[in-house]
Amino acid sequence: MYLGRFGYVLKELLKELRRGLIRIEEVLATLEELMDEGGLCRIRRAEEEYRRGDYFIVERGSEVEKLINEQDRLRMMR
């Protein structure tokens, strides 16, 4: 079944709807984190680490795994 321009418009509309729903989901997740006392502690700790420059910048998931493994290894040595 060929829908022509109508099908294209419908497809674009659905894409925009999906993007909007993703944004709403992110806002709700943020609000949930802010409502949780543990979440607020994590946010404050992260802000303090950021101010101290105690963070890493990575470009790939494999780099994150490498950092986690390194942290685990250091914890086991203590």
N, C-alpha and C. Protein backbone atom coordinates (compact mmCIF):
# COMPACT_ATOMS: atom_id res chain seq x y z
N MET A 1 0.85 -1.18 0.00
CA MET A 1 0.00 0.00 0.00
C MET A 1 0.89 1.24 0.00
N TYR A 2 0.73 2.09 -0.98
CA TYR A 2 1.53 3.29 -1.13
C TYR A 2 0.75 4.48 -0.60
N LEU A 3 1.35 5.23 0.33
CA LEU A 3 0.65 6.37 0.93
C LEU A 3 1.18 7.71 0.42
N GLY A 4 2.25 7.70 -0.34
CA GLY A 4 2.77 8.93 -0.92
C GLY A 4 3.18 9.94 0.13
N ARG A 5 2.84 11.21 -0.14
CA ARG A 5 3.21 12.30 0.76
C ARG A 5 2.61 12.14 2.14
N PHE A 6 1.38 11.60 2.21
CA PHE A 6 0.72 11.40 3.50
C PHE A 6 1.55 10.46 4.37
N GLY A 7 2.07 9.40 3.77
CA GLY A 7 2.89 8.44 4.50
C GLY A 7 4.16 9.08 5.02
N TYR A 8 4.77 9.94 4.22
CA TYR A 8 5.98 10.65 4.64
C TYR A 8 5.68 11.56 5.82
N VAL A 9 4.59 12.32 5.73
CA VAL A 9 4.20 13.23 6.81
C VAL A 9 3.92 12.43 8.08
N LEU A 10 3.22 11.33 7.94
CA LEU A 10 2.91 10.49 9.10
C LEU A 10 4.19 9.96 9.74
N LYS A 11 5.12 9.51 8.93
CA LYS A 11 6.39 8.99 9.43
C LYS A 11 7.15 10.08 10.19
N GLU A 12 7.21 11.29 9.63
CA GLU A 12 7.90 12.41 10.29
C GLU A 12 7.20 12.78 11.59
N LEU A 13 5.88 12.77 11.59
CA LEU A 13 5.11 13.08 12.79
C LEU A 13 5.41 12.07 13.90
N LEU A 14 5.48 10.80 13.53
CA LEU A 14 5.79 9.77 14.51
C LEU A 14 7.21 9.92 15.05
N LYS A 15 8.14 10.32 14.20
CA LYS A 15 9.52 10.56 14.66
C LYS A 15 9.54 11.69 15.70
N GLU A 16 8.84 12.77 15.42
CA GLU A 16 8.79 13.90 16.35
C GLU A 16 8.12 13.50 17.66
N LEU A 17 7.07 12.72 17.57
CA LEU A 17 6.37 12.24 18.76
C LEU A 17 7.31 11.40 19.61
N ARG A 18 8.08 10.53 18.97
CA ARG A 18 9.03 9.69 19.69
C ARG A 18 10.10 10.54 20.37
N ARG A 19 10.62 11.54 19.67
CA ARG A 19 11.63 12.43 20.28
C ARG A 19 11.05 13.16 21.50
N GLY A 20 9.81 13.60 21.36
CA GLY A 20 9.15 14.29 22.48
C GLY A 20 8.97 13.37 23.68
N LEU A 21 8.60 12.14 23.42
CA LEU A 21 8.41 11.18 24.50
C LEU A 21 9.73 10.85 25.19
N ILE A 22 10.80 10.80 24.43
CA ILE A 22 12.12 10.56 25.01
C ILE A 22 12.49 11.71 25.94
N ARG A 23 12.22 12.95 25.51
CA ARG A 23 12.51 14.12 26.37
C ARG A 23 11.70 14.07 27.65
N ILE A 24 10.43 13.71 27.52
CA ILE A 24 9.57 13.61 28.72
C ILE A 24 10.11 12.54 29.66
N GLU A 25 10.52 11.42 29.12
CA GLU A 25 11.08 10.34 29.94
C GLU A 25 12.32 10.82 30.68
N GLU A 26 13.17 11.59 30.02
CA GLU A 26 14.38 12.12 30.66
C GLU A 26 14.02 13.07 31.80
N VAL A 27 13.03 13.92 31.57
CA VAL A 27 12.60 14.87 32.61
C VAL A 27 12.04 14.10 33.81
N LEU A 28 11.22 13.10 33.55
CA LEU A 28 10.65 12.31 34.64
C LEU A 28 11.73 11.58 35.42
N ALA A 29 12.73 11.05 34.73
CA ALA A 29 13.83 10.37 35.42
C ALA A 29 14.61 11.35 36.29
N THR A 30 14.81 12.56 35.79
CA THR A 30 15.50 13.59 36.57
C THR A 30 14.70 13.96 37.81
N LEU A 31 13.40 14.16 37.64
CA LEU A 31 12.54 14.50 38.78
C LEU A 31 12.55 13.38 39.82
N GLU A 32 12.51 12.15 39.36
CA GLU A 32 12.55 11.01 40.27
C GLU A 32 13.86 10.99 41.05
N GLU A 33 14.97 11.27 40.39
CA GLU A 33 16.27 11.31 41.05
C GLU A 33 16.32 12.43 42.08
N LEU A 34 15.75 13.59 41.74
CA LEU A 34 15.76 14.73 42.66
C LEU A 34 14.87 14.49 43.87
N MET A 35 13.82 13.70 43.71
CA MET A 35 12.91 13.42 44.82
C MET A 35 13.50 12.40 45.79
N ASP A 36 14.48 11.65 45.35
CA ASP A 36 15.10 10.61 46.16
C ASP A 36 16.27 11.20 46.93
N GLU A 37 16.29 11.02 48.25
CA GLU A 37 17.36 11.60 49.07
C GLU A 37 18.73 11.06 48.66
N GLY A 38 18.80 9.77 48.36
CA GLY A 38 20.06 9.18 47.90
C GLY A 38 20.49 9.80 46.59
N GLY A 39 19.51 10.09 45.73
CA GLY A 39 19.81 10.72 44.44
C GLY A 39 20.40 12.10 44.63
N LEU A 40 19.85 12.86 45.57
CA LEU A 40 20.39 14.19 45.85
C LEU A 40 21.83 14.10 46.36
N CYS A 41 22.09 13.10 47.20
CA CYS A 41 23.46 12.92 47.70
C CYS A 41 24.41 12.61 46.55
N ARG A 42 23.97 11.75 45.62
CA ARG A 42 24.82 11.41 44.47
C ARG A 42 25.08 12.65 43.60
N ILE A 43 24.05 13.47 43.41
CA ILE A 43 24.20 14.69 42.61
C ILE A 43 25.19 15.65 43.29
N ARG A 44 25.03 15.84 44.59
CA ARG A 44 25.94 16.74 45.31
C ARG A 44 27.38 16.23 45.28
N ARG A 45 27.55 14.91 45.45
CA ARG A 45 28.89 14.32 45.40
C ARG A 45 29.49 14.50 44.00
N ALA A 46 28.68 14.31 42.97
CA ALA A 46 29.17 14.46 41.60
C ALA A 46 29.55 15.91 41.32
N GLU A 47 28.75 16.86 41.83
CA GLU A 47 29.09 18.28 41.65
C GLU A 47 30.41 18.62 42.31
N GLU A 48 30.63 18.08 43.50
CA GLU A 48 31.89 18.33 44.22
C GLU A 48 33.06 17.71 43.46
N GLU A 49 32.90 16.50 42.96
CA GLU A 49 33.96 15.87 42.17
C GLU A 49 34.26 16.70 40.92
N TYR A 50 33.22 17.24 40.31
CA TYR A 50 33.41 18.06 39.11
C TYR A 50 34.20 19.32 39.45
N ARG A 51 33.85 19.97 40.56
CA ARG A 51 34.57 21.18 40.98
C ARG A 51 36.05 20.90 41.23
N ARG A 52 36.33 19.71 41.79
CA ARG A 52 37.73 19.33 42.08
C ARG A 52 38.45 18.86 40.83
N GLY A 53 37.73 18.65 39.75
CA GLY A 53 38.35 18.13 38.53
C GLY A 53 38.59 16.63 38.60
N ASP A 54 37.88 15.98 39.51
CA ASP A 54 38.04 14.54 39.74
C ASP A 54 37.05 13.76 38.86
N TYR A 55 37.29 13.76 37.56
CA TYR A 55 36.42 13.04 36.63
C TYR A 55 37.22 12.67 35.39
N PHE A 56 36.65 11.79 34.59
CA PHE A 56 37.29 11.33 33.37
C PHE A 56 36.39 11.64 32.19
N ILE A 57 36.99 11.89 31.06
CA ILE A 57 36.24 12.07 29.81
C ILE A 57 36.55 10.88 28.93
N VAL A 58 35.49 10.20 28.48
CA VAL A 58 35.66 9.02 27.62
C VAL A 58 34.83 9.21 26.36
N GLU A 59 35.22 8.51 25.32
CA GLU A 59 34.50 8.61 24.05
C GLU A 59 33.81 7.31 23.67
N ARG A 60 34.21 6.19 24.30
CA ARG A 60 33.63 4.90 23.95
C ARG A 60 33.25 4.11 25.21
N GLY A 61 32.28 3.25 25.06
CA GLY A 61 31.87 2.41 26.16
C GLY A 61 33.00 1.54 26.68
N SER A 62 33.88 1.12 25.79
CA SER A 62 35.00 0.28 26.21
C SER A 62 35.92 1.03 27.19
N GLU A 63 36.01 2.34 27.03
CA GLU A 63 36.83 3.14 27.94
C GLU A 63 36.18 3.20 29.32
N VAL A 64 34.86 3.24 29.36
CA VAL A 64 34.15 3.23 30.64
C VAL A 64 34.41 1.91 31.36
N GLU A 65 34.29 0.80 30.61
CA GLU A 65 34.56 -0.51 31.19
C GLU A 65 35.97 -0.59 31.75
N LYS A 66 36.92 -0.06 31.02
CA LYS A 66 38.31 -0.07 31.45
C LYS A 66 38.48 0.69 32.77
N LEU A 67 37.84 1.86 32.88
CA LEU A 67 37.91 2.64 34.12
C LEU A 67 37.26 1.90 35.29
N ILE A 68 36.12 1.28 35.04
CA ILE A 68 35.43 0.53 36.10
C ILE A 68 36.29 -0.63 36.57
N ASN A 69 36.86 -1.36 35.64
CA ASN A 69 37.73 -2.49 36.00
C ASN A 69 38.94 -2.01 36.80
N GLU A 70 39.50 -0.89 36.41
CA GLU A 70 40.65 -0.33 37.13
C GLU A 70 40.25 0.06 38.55
N GLN A 71 39.09 0.70 38.70
CA GLN A 71 38.60 1.08 40.03
C GLN A 71 38.38 -0.15 40.90
N ASP A 72 37.78 -1.19 40.31
CA ASP A 72 37.55 -2.44 41.05
C ASP A 72 38.87 -3.05 41.49
N ARG A 73 39.84 -3.05 40.60
CA ARG A 73 41.15 -3.60 40.92
C ARG A 73 41.80 -2.84 42.08
N LEU A 74 41.70 -1.51 42.05
CA LEU A 74 42.28 -0.69 43.12
C LEU A 74 41.57 -0.94 44.46
N ARG A 75 40.25 -1.10 44.42
CA ARG A 75 39.49 -1.37 45.65
C ARG A 75 39.92 -2.70 46.26
N MET A 76 40.17 -3.69 45.43
CA MET A 76 40.54 -5.02 45.93
C MET A 76 41.93 -4.99 46.57
N MET A 77 42.77 -4.07 46.13
CA MET A 77 44.13 -3.96 46.66
C MET A 77 44.14 -3.34 48.05
N ARG A 78 43.10 -2.63 48.40
CA ARG A 78 43.06 -1.92 49.70
C ARG A 78 42.85 -2.88 50.85
